[in-house]
Amino acid sequence: ILEKDFLNGVLSNIKHLIFDKLEINIYFGVSNWVRSLSELKLSYLQAQEAADIKFFADDVDIIYYEEISIDKKTVIYPFDEEKEIINCLALCNKPMLNEKIDLFLDSLFNNCTQNKWYIKSLIIIFMGNLIKFCYDKNLNMKDIIDNKLFENVFKAERKEQLKNSILNFVYNISLKIEQMDKRNNIVKSAIEYIEKNYNKNISLESVSKEVYVTPTYLSILFKRELGINFIDFLHKYRIQKAQELLKNQNLKTYQVANLVGYNDEKYFSQLFKKYTGLTPSQFRDNF
């Protein structure tokens, strides 16, 4: 430890001296100690590998090979712990997330305690897997990923700092899933109301009152969740029901129109052709 402290001081002085004289920032990769000239090539390769870590850590100027080397055969990625975290997210079980993340980190630290860089790289892999989970759930990543998310992981010096970065990320995901589920329930309730009352005089305003949201918000939810606006969904559903009724040759067109919620036969015929490409009469003739 004393040797490393001494070397840190020497290298820091060199760094400052070069910057003062040449205004150039430099950083150092430091190999393990070697015992003979025949090991100089190995020493160089170790120093180079350590220096390459600079790509992941802008704020670190002295990197020791002993801190990044690891017997990768002994490292086991905590797949089971990761799966538990993803299950908690899928089930919106936020109270269990803290415990599951502790188990995930404990597994990482138990496998490679002396190598913070390897631990951090595995955490980045874990976060990448969570991003894929979010993508599969159609979550908006712009609302989840903080600009400093990965930077905070690489700059963390203590386990607790790493845990906080993961927790913030995971809680953001959990919040968005809860919001999405709530939106889905609102849209589901609106659709159920339409299915039961499509033959009545209903509108965006009347349905929004039934599901306790504003008309504007309900309209946004329909477009976001279904890719179609409210009025188009209502018309399409009514026309679908009209197609079933038109198979009954005893019903007149105006009667079918009334049965699916339209009092104006001409307007009904225009909508029917818009959504099917046929007039009601043409549809019935082709059936």
C-alpha atoms as a PDB file:
ATOM      1  CA  ILE A   1       0.000   0.000   0.000  1.00  0.00           C
ATOM      2  CA  LEU A   2       2.835   2.395   0.863  1.00  0.00           C
ATOM      3  CA  GLU A   3       4.538   1.619  -2.456  1.00  0.00           C
ATOM      4  CA  LYS A   4       1.325   2.345  -4.335  1.00  0.00           C
ATOM      5  CA  ASP A   5       0.792   5.605  -2.435  1.00  0.00           C
ATOM      6  CA  PHE A   6       4.353   6.648  -3.257  1.00  0.00           C
ATOM      7  CA  LEU A   7       3.902   5.734  -6.939  1.00  0.00           C
ATOM      8  CA  ASN A   8       0.600   7.611  -7.071  1.00  0.00           C
ATOM      9  CA  GLY A   9       2.340  10.715  -5.770  1.00  0.00           C
ATOM     10  CA  VAL A  10       5.187  10.442  -8.295  1.00  0.00           C
ATOM     11  CA  LEU A  11       2.858   9.882 -11.258  1.00  0.00           C
ATOM     12  CA  SER A  12       0.548  12.711 -10.176  1.00  0.00           C
ATOM     13  CA  ASN A  13       3.530  15.088 -10.007  1.00  0.00           C
ATOM     14  CA  ILE A  14       4.621  14.000 -13.501  1.00  0.00           C
ATOM     15  CA  LYS A  15       1.096  14.543 -14.820  1.00  0.00           C
ATOM     16  CA  HIS A  16       0.906  18.070 -13.363  1.00  0.00           C
ATOM     17  CA  LEU A  17       4.414  18.949 -14.543  1.00  0.00           C
ATOM     18  CA  ILE A  18       3.669  17.912 -18.128  1.00  0.00           C
ATOM     19  CA  PHE A  19       0.373  19.778 -18.107  1.00  0.00           C
ATOM     20  CA  ASP A  20       2.056  22.940 -16.741  1.00  0.00           C
ATOM     21  CA  LYS A  21       4.806  22.796 -19.383  1.00  0.00           C
ATOM     22  CA  LEU A  22       2.966  21.440 -22.429  1.00  0.00           C
ATOM     23  CA  GLU A  23      -0.756  21.758 -21.519  1.00  0.00           C
ATOM     24  CA  ILE A  24      -1.232  18.059 -22.298  1.00  0.00           C
ATOM     25  CA  ASN A  25      -3.308  15.735 -20.136  1.00  0.00           C
ATOM     26  CA  ILE A  26      -1.782  12.288 -19.667  1.00  0.00           C
ATOM     27  CA  TYR A  27      -2.803   9.160 -17.791  1.00  0.00           C
ATOM     28  CA  PHE A  28      -1.025   5.997 -16.697  1.00  0.00           C
ATOM     29  CA  GLY A  29      -1.537   2.261 -16.942  1.00  0.00           C
ATOM     30  CA  VAL A  30       0.576   0.492 -14.311  1.00  0.00           C
ATOM     31  CA  SER A  31       1.583  -3.177 -14.609  1.00  0.00           C
ATOM     32  CA  ASN A  32       2.351  -5.622 -11.824  1.00  0.00           C
ATOM     33  CA  TRP A  33       5.924  -5.669 -10.511  1.00  0.00           C
ATOM     34  CA  VAL A  34       8.299  -7.828 -12.569  1.00  0.00           C
ATOM     35  CA  ARG A  35      11.533  -9.488 -11.425  1.00  0.00           C
ATOM     36  CA  SER A  36      13.616  -9.558 -14.608  1.00  0.00           C
ATOM     37  CA  LEU A  37      14.161  -7.881 -17.976  1.00  0.00           C
ATOM     38  CA  SER A  38      12.697 -10.936 -19.691  1.00  0.00           C
ATOM     39  CA  GLU A  39       9.317  -9.976 -18.228  1.00  0.00           C
ATOM     40  CA  LEU A  40       9.337  -6.426 -19.628  1.00  0.00           C
ATOM     41  CA  LYS A  41       7.105  -7.393 -22.564  1.00  0.00           C
ATOM     42  CA  LEU A  42       4.556  -8.844 -20.148  1.00  0.00           C
ATOM     43  CA  SER A  43       4.829  -5.683 -18.062  1.00  0.00           C
ATOM     44  CA  TYR A  44       4.167  -3.522 -21.134  1.00  0.00           C
ATOM     45  CA  LEU A  45       1.115  -5.574 -22.138  1.00  0.00           C
ATOM     46  CA  GLN A  46      -0.318  -5.342 -18.640  1.00  0.00           C
ATOM     47  CA  ALA A  47       0.210  -1.585 -18.534  1.00  0.00           C
ATOM     48  CA  GLN A  48      -1.447  -1.237 -21.942  1.00  0.00           C
ATOM     49  CA  GLU A  49      -4.448  -3.291 -20.830  1.00  0.00           C
ATOM     50  CA  ALA A  50      -4.787  -1.150 -17.726  1.00  0.00           C
ATOM     51  CA  ALA A  51      -4.534   2.041 -19.770  1.00  0.00           C
ATOM     52  CA  ASP A  52      -7.320   0.805 -22.055  1.00  0.00           C
ATOM     53  CA  ILE A  53      -9.719   1.032 -19.111  1.00  0.00           C
ATOM     54  CA  LYS A  54      -9.430   4.825 -19.478  1.00  0.00           C
ATOM     55  CA  PHE A  55     -12.018   4.473 -22.256  1.00  0.00           C
ATOM     56  CA  PHE A  56     -14.586   3.679 -19.557  1.00  0.00           C
ATOM     57  CA  ALA A  57     -13.444   6.099 -16.864  1.00  0.00           C
ATOM     58  CA  ASP A  58     -12.662   9.664 -17.857  1.00  0.00           C
ATOM     59  CA  ASP A  59     -11.978  10.784 -14.301  1.00  0.00           C
ATOM     60  CA  VAL A  60      -9.354   8.125 -13.499  1.00  0.00           C
ATOM     61  CA  ASP A  61      -5.736   8.948 -14.381  1.00  0.00           C
ATOM     62  CA  ILE A  62      -3.811   6.069 -12.768  1.00  0.00           C
ATOM     63  CA  ILE A  63      -5.056   2.525 -13.390  1.00  0.00           C
ATOM     64  CA  TYR A  64      -3.343  -0.542 -11.969  1.00  0.00           C
ATOM     65  CA  TYR A  65      -3.379  -3.859 -13.761  1.00  0.00           C
ATOM     66  CA  GLU A  66      -3.850  -5.679 -10.455  1.00  0.00           C
ATOM     67  CA  GLU A  67      -7.201  -3.914 -10.077  1.00  0.00           C
ATOM     68  CA  ILE A  68      -8.527  -5.063 -13.430  1.00  0.00           C
ATOM     69  CA  SER A  69      -7.006  -8.539 -13.824  1.00  0.00           C
ATOM     70  CA  ILE A  70      -9.208 -11.477 -12.991  1.00  0.00           C
ATOM     71  CA  ASP A  71      -9.454 -15.191 -13.547  1.00  0.00           C
ATOM     72  CA  LYS A  72     -12.586 -15.072 -15.667  1.00  0.00           C
ATOM     73  CA  LYS A  73     -13.104 -18.801 -15.287  1.00  0.00           C
ATOM     74  CA  THR A  74     -14.068 -18.198 -11.654  1.00  0.00           C
ATOM     75  CA  VAL A  75     -16.673 -15.536 -12.453  1.00  0.00           C
ATOM     76  CA  ILE A  76     -20.281 -16.625 -12.713  1.00  0.00           C
ATOM     77  CA  TYR A  77     -22.790 -14.031 -13.890  1.00  0.00           C
ATOM     78  CA  PRO A  78     -25.765 -13.912 -11.476  1.00  0.00           C
ATOM     79  CA  PHE A  79     -28.422 -14.924 -14.011  1.00  0.00           C
ATOM     80  CA  ASP A  80     -30.878 -16.119 -11.352  1.00  0.00           C
ATOM     81  CA  GLU A  81     -30.632 -12.853  -9.415  1.00  0.00           C
ATOM     82  CA  GLU A  82     -31.126 -10.867 -12.617  1.00  0.00           C
ATOM     83  CA  LYS A  83     -34.210 -12.941 -13.434  1.00  0.00           C
ATOM     84  CA  GLU A  84     -35.635 -12.209  -9.981  1.00  0.00           C
ATOM     85  CA  ILE A  85     -35.207  -8.471 -10.524  1.00  0.00           C
ATOM     86  CA  ILE A  86     -36.922  -8.623 -13.915  1.00  0.00           C
ATOM     87  CA  ASN A  87     -39.758 -10.673 -12.409  1.00  0.00           C
ATOM     88  CA  CYS A  88     -40.239  -8.007  -9.723  1.00  0.00           C
ATOM     89  CA  LEU A  89     -40.457  -5.365 -12.448  1.00  0.00           C
ATOM     90  CA  ALA A  90     -42.893  -7.385 -14.547  1.00  0.00           C
ATOM     91  CA  LEU A  91     -45.128  -7.887 -11.483  1.00  0.00           C
ATOM     92  CA  CYS A  92     -44.666  -4.278 -10.286  1.00  0.00           C
ATOM     93  CA  ASN A  93     -43.339  -5.629  -6.980  1.00  0.00           C
ATOM     94  CA  LYS A  94     -41.359  -2.537  -6.039  1.00  0.00           C
ATOM     95  CA  PRO A  95     -40.909  -3.437  -2.303  1.00  0.00           C
ATOM     96  CA  MET A  96     -38.821  -6.486  -3.257  1.00  0.00           C
ATOM     97  CA  LEU A  97     -36.505  -4.660  -5.668  1.00  0.00           C
ATOM     98  CA  ASN A  98     -34.118  -3.415  -2.993  1.00  0.00           C
ATOM     99  CA  GLU A  99     -33.596  -6.931  -1.633  1.00  0.00           C
ATOM    100  CA  LYS A 100     -33.151  -8.493  -5.079  1.00  0.00           C
ATOM    101  CA  ILE A 101     -30.594  -5.879  -6.127  1.00  0.00           C
ATOM    102  CA  ASP A 102     -28.647  -6.544  -2.915  1.00  0.00           C
ATOM    103  CA  LEU A 103     -28.531 -10.237  -3.818  1.00  0.00           C
ATOM    104  CA  PHE A 104     -27.391  -9.416  -7.357  1.00  0.00           C
ATOM    105  CA  LEU A 105     -24.545  -7.191  -6.137  1.00  0.00           C
ATOM    106  CA  ASP A 106     -23.532  -9.623  -3.398  1.00  0.00           C
ATOM    107  CA  SER A 107     -23.151 -12.323  -6.020  1.00  0.00           C
ATOM    108  CA  LEU A 108     -20.968 -10.069  -8.185  1.00  0.00           C
ATOM    109  CA  PHE A 109     -18.738  -8.961  -5.320  1.00  0.00           C
ATOM    110  CA  ASN A 110     -18.339 -12.470  -3.969  1.00  0.00           C
ATOM    111  CA  ASN A 111     -17.074 -13.664  -7.346  1.00  0.00           C
ATOM    112  CA  CYS A 112     -14.669 -10.832  -8.191  1.00  0.00           C
ATOM    113  CA  THR A 113     -14.136  -8.763  -5.049  1.00  0.00           C
ATOM    114  CA  GLN A 114     -10.810  -7.281  -6.097  1.00  0.00           C
ATOM    115  CA  ASN A 115     -11.844  -6.181  -9.569  1.00  0.00           C
ATOM    116  CA  LYS A 116     -14.101  -3.153  -9.602  1.00  0.00           C
ATOM    117  CA  TRP A 117     -13.790  -2.738 -13.377  1.00  0.00           C
ATOM    118  CA  TYR A 118     -15.006  -6.228 -14.093  1.00  0.00           C
ATOM    119  CA  ILE A 119     -17.891  -5.735 -11.672  1.00  0.00           C
ATOM    120  CA  LYS A 120     -18.824  -2.503 -13.410  1.00  0.00           C
ATOM    121  CA  SER A 121     -18.708  -4.119 -16.840  1.00  0.00           C
ATOM    122  CA  LEU A 122     -21.098  -6.845 -15.643  1.00  0.00           C
ATOM    123  CA  ILE A 123     -23.421  -4.195 -14.226  1.00  0.00           C
ATOM    124  CA  ILE A 124     -23.466  -2.501 -17.627  1.00  0.00           C
ATOM    125  CA  ILE A 125     -24.417  -5.870 -19.159  1.00  0.00           C
ATOM    126  CA  PHE A 126     -27.191  -6.137 -16.563  1.00  0.00           C
ATOM    127  CA  MET A 127     -28.464  -2.668 -17.443  1.00  0.00           C
ATOM    128  CA  GLY A 128     -28.381  -3.575 -21.122  1.00  0.00           C
ATOM    129  CA  ASN A 129     -30.597  -6.581 -20.367  1.00  0.00           C
ATOM    130  CA  LEU A 130     -33.011  -4.307 -18.508  1.00  0.00           C
ATOM    131  CA  ILE A 131     -33.088  -1.963 -21.488  1.00  0.00           C
ATOM    132  CA  LYS A 132     -34.060  -4.911 -23.699  1.00  0.00           C
ATOM    133  CA  PHE A 133     -36.814  -5.753 -21.193  1.00  0.00           C
ATOM    134  CA  CYS A 134     -38.078  -2.156 -21.473  1.00  0.00           C
ATOM    135  CA  TYR A 135     -37.948  -2.335 -25.258  1.00  0.00           C
ATOM    136  CA  ASP A 136     -40.017  -5.547 -25.208  1.00  0.00           C
ATOM    137  CA  LYS A 137     -42.548  -3.791 -22.944  1.00  0.00           C
ATOM    138  CA  ASN A 138     -42.713  -0.823 -25.390  1.00  0.00           C
ATOM    139  CA  LEU A 139     -41.584   1.617 -22.708  1.00  0.00           C
ATOM    140  CA  ASN A 140     -40.302   5.040 -23.725  1.00  0.00           C
ATOM    141  CA  MET A 141     -36.574   4.856 -22.938  1.00  0.00           C
ATOM    142  CA  LYS A 142     -36.178   8.647 -23.045  1.00  0.00           C
ATOM    143  CA  ASP A 143     -38.138   8.808 -19.794  1.00  0.00           C
ATOM    144  CA  ILE A 144     -36.065   6.071 -18.151  1.00  0.00           C
ATOM    145  CA  ILE A 145     -32.376   6.441 -19.032  1.00  0.00           C
ATOM    146  CA  ASP A 146     -30.642   9.337 -17.308  1.00  0.00           C
ATOM    147  CA  ASN A 147     -27.865  11.068 -19.241  1.00  0.00           C
ATOM    148  CA  LYS A 148     -25.376  10.124 -16.507  1.00  0.00           C
ATOM    149  CA  LEU A 149     -26.593   6.581 -15.888  1.00  0.00           C
ATOM    150  CA  PHE A 150     -23.555   4.738 -17.254  1.00  0.00           C
ATOM    151  CA  GLU A 151     -21.150   7.493 -16.238  1.00  0.00           C
ATOM    152  CA  ASN A 152     -22.278   7.146 -12.615  1.00  0.00           C
ATOM    153  CA  VAL A 153     -21.616   3.406 -12.718  1.00  0.00           C
ATOM    154  CA  PHE A 154     -18.071   3.844 -13.998  1.00  0.00           C
ATOM    155  CA  LYS A 155     -17.308   6.630 -11.530  1.00  0.00           C
ATOM    156  CA  ALA A 156     -18.655   4.750  -8.496  1.00  0.00           C
ATOM    157  CA  GLU A 157     -15.987   3.832  -5.954  1.00  0.00           C
ATOM    158  CA  ARG A 158     -18.149   1.992  -3.421  1.00  0.00           C
ATOM    159  CA  LYS A 159     -20.703  -0.774  -3.579  1.00  0.00           C
ATOM    160  CA  GLU A 160     -23.377   1.528  -2.160  1.00  0.00           C
ATOM    161  CA  GLN A 161     -22.847   4.006  -5.002  1.00  0.00           C
ATOM    162  CA  LEU A 162     -23.297   1.226  -7.548  1.00  0.00           C
ATOM    163  CA  LYS A 163     -26.443   0.095  -5.769  1.00  0.00           C
ATOM    164  CA  ASN A 164     -27.892   3.623  -5.839  1.00  0.00           C
ATOM    165  CA  SER A 165     -27.285   3.900  -9.584  1.00  0.00           C
ATOM    166  CA  ILE A 166     -29.014   0.574 -10.197  1.00  0.00           C
ATOM    167  CA  LEU A 167     -31.897   1.398  -7.854  1.00  0.00           C
ATOM    168  CA  ASN A 168     -32.576   4.747  -9.516  1.00  0.00           C
ATOM    169  CA  PHE A 169     -32.606   3.057 -12.917  1.00  0.00           C
ATOM    170  CA  VAL A 170     -34.828   0.178 -11.795  1.00  0.00           C
ATOM    171  CA  TYR A 171     -37.265   2.452  -9.929  1.00  0.00           C
ATOM    172  CA  ASN A 172     -37.654   4.570 -13.060  1.00  0.00           C
ATOM    173  CA  ILE A 173     -38.542   1.438 -15.009  1.00  0.00           C
ATOM    174  CA  SER A 174     -40.994   0.334 -12.306  1.00  0.00           C
ATOM    175  CA  LEU A 175     -42.687   3.747 -12.310  1.00  0.00           C
ATOM    176  CA  LYS A 176     -43.154   3.677 -16.077  1.00  0.00           C
ATOM    177  CA  ILE A 177     -44.590   0.151 -15.973  1.00  0.00           C
ATOM    178  CA  GLU A 178     -47.084   1.235 -13.294  1.00  0.00           C
ATOM    179  CA  GLN A 179     -48.086   4.236 -15.399  1.00  0.00           C
ATOM    180  CA  MET A 180     -48.430   2.057 -18.499  1.00  0.00           C
ATOM    181  CA  ASP A 181     -50.579  -0.484 -16.655  1.00  0.00           C
ATOM    182  CA  LYS A 182     -52.783   2.310 -15.358  1.00  0.00           C
ATOM    183  CA  ARG A 183     -53.161   3.721 -18.890  1.00  0.00           C
ATOM    184  CA  ASN A 184     -53.944   0.266 -20.210  1.00  0.00           C
ATOM    185  CA  ASN A 185     -56.681  -0.166 -17.591  1.00  0.00           C
ATOM    186  CA  ILE A 186     -58.267   3.143 -18.594  1.00  0.00           C
ATOM    187  CA  VAL A 187     -58.279   2.194 -22.283  1.00  0.00           C
ATOM    188  CA  LYS A 188     -59.570  -1.286 -21.434  1.00  0.00           C
ATOM    189  CA  SER A 189     -62.461   0.211 -19.436  1.00  0.00           C
ATOM    190  CA  ALA A 190     -63.274   2.620 -22.282  1.00  0.00           C
ATOM    191  CA  ILE A 191     -63.337  -0.228 -24.821  1.00  0.00           C
ATOM    192  CA  GLU A 192     -65.579  -2.329 -22.589  1.00  0.00           C
ATOM    193  CA  TYR A 193     -67.984   0.615 -22.308  1.00  0.00           C
ATOM    194  CA  ILE A 194     -68.028   1.066 -26.094  1.00  0.00           C
ATOM    195  CA  GLU A 195     -68.672  -2.646 -26.654  1.00  0.00           C
ATOM    196  CA  LYS A 196     -71.706  -2.509 -24.345  1.00  0.00           C
ATOM    197  CA  ASN A 197     -73.086   0.835 -25.544  1.00  0.00           C
ATOM    198  CA  TYR A 198     -71.998   1.231 -29.199  1.00  0.00           C
ATOM    199  CA  ASN A 199     -75.671   1.340 -30.298  1.00  0.00           C
ATOM    200  CA  LYS A 200     -76.334   4.388 -28.127  1.00  0.00           C
ATOM    201  CA  ASN A 201     -75.468   8.041 -28.615  1.00  0.00           C
ATOM    202  CA  ILE A 202     -71.958   7.935 -27.150  1.00  0.00           C
ATOM    203  CA  SER A 203     -69.009  10.255 -27.731  1.00  0.00           C
ATOM    204  CA  LEU A 204     -65.463  10.913 -26.533  1.00  0.00           C
ATOM    205  CA  GLU A 205     -66.889  13.206 -23.867  1.00  0.00           C
ATOM    206  CA  SER A 206     -69.463  10.722 -22.554  1.00  0.00           C
ATOM    207  CA  VAL A 207     -66.991   7.804 -22.476  1.00  0.00           C
ATOM    208  CA  SER A 208     -64.306   9.887 -20.751  1.00  0.00           C
ATOM    209  CA  LYS A 209     -66.786  10.630 -17.953  1.00  0.00           C
ATOM    210  CA  GLU A 210     -67.387   6.917 -17.522  1.00  0.00           C
ATOM    211  CA  VAL A 211     -63.671   6.193 -17.047  1.00  0.00           C
ATOM    212  CA  TYR A 212     -62.996   9.353 -14.972  1.00  0.00           C
ATOM    213  CA  VAL A 213     -60.485  11.123 -17.214  1.00  0.00           C
ATOM    214  CA  THR A 214     -60.632  14.186 -19.428  1.00  0.00           C
ATOM    215  CA  PRO A 215     -61.605  13.796 -23.106  1.00  0.00           C
ATOM    216  CA  THR A 216     -58.186  15.067 -24.169  1.00  0.00           C
ATOM    217  CA  TYR A 217     -56.337  12.523 -22.038  1.00  0.00           C
ATOM    218  CA  LEU A 218     -58.539   9.642 -23.225  1.00  0.00           C
ATOM    219  CA  SER A 219     -57.930  10.668 -26.827  1.00  0.00           C
ATOM    220  CA  ILE A 220     -54.160  10.686 -26.220  1.00  0.00           C
ATOM    221  CA  LEU A 221     -54.314   7.244 -24.569  1.00  0.00           C
ATOM    222  CA  PHE A 222     -56.221   5.711 -27.484  1.00  0.00           C
ATOM    223  CA  LYS A 223     -53.669   7.023 -29.950  1.00  0.00           C
ATOM    224  CA  ARG A 224     -50.699   6.002 -27.809  1.00  0.00           C
ATOM    225  CA  GLU A 225     -51.908   2.560 -26.745  1.00  0.00           C
ATOM    226  CA  LEU A 226     -53.876   1.456 -29.813  1.00  0.00           C
ATOM    227  CA  GLY A 227     -52.369   3.541 -32.613  1.00  0.00           C
ATOM    228  CA  ILE A 228     -55.844   4.829 -33.538  1.00  0.00           C
ATOM    229  CA  ASN A 229     -57.887   7.786 -32.340  1.00  0.00           C
ATOM    230  CA  PHE A 230     -61.081   7.358 -30.342  1.00  0.00           C
ATOM    231  CA  ILE A 231     -63.585   8.277 -33.044  1.00  0.00           C
ATOM    232  CA  ASP A 232     -61.996   5.921 -35.581  1.00  0.00           C
ATOM    233  CA  PHE A 233     -62.094   3.089 -33.046  1.00  0.00           C
ATOM    234  CA  LEU A 234     -65.790   3.771 -32.370  1.00  0.00           C
ATOM    235  CA  HIS A 235     -66.685   3.925 -36.077  1.00  0.00           C
ATOM    236  CA  LYS A 236     -64.720   0.768 -36.896  1.00  0.00           C
ATOM    237  CA  TYR A 237     -66.372  -1.148 -34.081  1.00  0.00           C
ATOM    238  CA  ARG A 238     -69.847  -0.015 -35.168  1.00  0.00           C
ATOM    239  CA  ILE A 239     -69.168  -0.859 -38.822  1.00  0.00           C
ATOM    240  CA  GLN A 240     -67.911  -4.295 -37.773  1.00  0.00           C
ATOM    241  CA  LYS A 241     -71.209  -4.875 -35.965  1.00  0.00           C
ATOM    242  CA  ALA A 242     -73.115  -3.529 -38.985  1.00  0.00           C
ATOM    243  CA  GLN A 243     -71.415  -6.078 -41.238  1.00  0.00           C
ATOM    244  CA  GLU A 244     -72.753  -8.869 -39.034  1.00  0.00           C
ATOM    245  CA  LEU A 245     -76.279  -7.403 -39.108  1.00  0.00           C
ATOM    246  CA  LEU A 246     -76.289  -6.898 -42.877  1.00  0.00           C
ATOM    247  CA  LYS A 247     -76.066 -10.659 -43.309  1.00  0.00           C
ATOM    248  CA  ASN A 248     -79.676 -10.680 -42.159  1.00  0.00           C
ATOM    249  CA  GLN A 249     -81.554  -9.985 -45.404  1.00  0.00           C
ATOM    250  CA  ASN A 250     -84.700  -8.988 -43.502  1.00  0.00           C
ATOM    251  CA  LEU A 251     -83.103  -5.851 -42.037  1.00  0.00           C
ATOM    252  CA  LYS A 252     -83.240  -2.615 -44.009  1.00  0.00           C
ATOM    253  CA  THR A 253     -80.100  -0.433 -44.230  1.00  0.00           C
ATOM    254  CA  TYR A 254     -81.626   2.303 -42.062  1.00  0.00           C
ATOM    255  CA  GLN A 255     -82.537  -0.320 -39.448  1.00  0.00           C
ATOM    256  CA  VAL A 256     -78.958  -1.587 -39.364  1.00  0.00           C
ATOM    257  CA  ALA A 257     -77.736   2.009 -39.058  1.00  0.00           C
ATOM    258  CA  ASN A 258     -80.011   2.585 -36.049  1.00  0.00           C
ATOM    259  CA  LEU A 259     -78.968  -0.677 -34.428  1.00  0.00           C
ATOM    260  CA  VAL A 260     -75.296   0.340 -34.443  1.00  0.00           C
ATOM    261  CA  GLY A 261     -75.827   3.901 -33.240  1.00  0.00           C
ATOM    262  CA  TYR A 262     -76.396   5.997 -36.392  1.00  0.00           C
ATOM    263  CA  ASN A 263     -79.638   7.909 -36.912  1.00  0.00           C
ATOM    264  CA  ASP A 264     -78.656   9.210 -40.361  1.00  0.00           C
ATOM    265  CA  GLU A 265     -78.720   6.434 -42.988  1.00  0.00           C
ATOM    266  CA  LYS A 266     -76.753   8.517 -45.518  1.00  0.00           C
ATOM    267  CA  TYR A 267     -73.984   9.258 -43.014  1.00  0.00           C
ATOM    268  CA  PHE A 268     -73.897   5.589 -42.035  1.00  0.00           C
ATOM    269  CA  SER A 269     -73.482   4.565 -45.697  1.00  0.00           C
ATOM    270  CA  GLN A 270     -70.614   7.044 -46.151  1.00  0.00           C
ATOM    271  CA  LEU A 271     -68.809   5.694 -43.105  1.00  0.00           C
ATOM    272  CA  PHE A 272     -69.453   2.102 -44.155  1.00  0.00           C
ATOM    273  CA  LYS A 273     -67.793   2.697 -47.537  1.00  0.00           C
ATOM    274  CA  LYS A 274     -64.923   4.596 -45.927  1.00  0.00           C
ATOM    275  CA  TYR A 275     -64.014   1.679 -43.658  1.00  0.00           C
ATOM    276  CA  THR A 276     -64.880  -1.262 -45.923  1.00  0.00           C
ATOM    277  CA  GLY A 277     -64.546   0.096 -49.467  1.00  0.00           C
ATOM    278  CA  LEU A 278     -68.156  -0.963 -50.204  1.00  0.00           C
ATOM    279  CA  THR A 279     -71.599   0.505 -49.695  1.00  0.00           C
ATOM    280  CA  PRO A 280     -73.943  -1.453 -47.407  1.00  0.00           C
ATOM    281  CA  SER A 281     -75.850  -2.672 -50.477  1.00  0.00           C
ATOM    282  CA  GLN A 282     -72.646  -3.795 -52.235  1.00  0.00           C
ATOM    283  CA  PHE A 283     -71.497  -5.599 -49.107  1.00  0.00           C
ATOM    284  CA  ARG A 284     -74.815  -7.422 -48.831  1.00  0.00           C
ATOM    285  CA  ASP A 285     -74.772  -8.375 -52.536  1.00  0.00           C
ATOM    286  CA  ASN A 286     -71.240  -9.805 -52.197  1.00  0.00           C
ATOM    287  CA  PHE A 287     -72.082 -11.782 -49.102  1.00  0.00           C
END
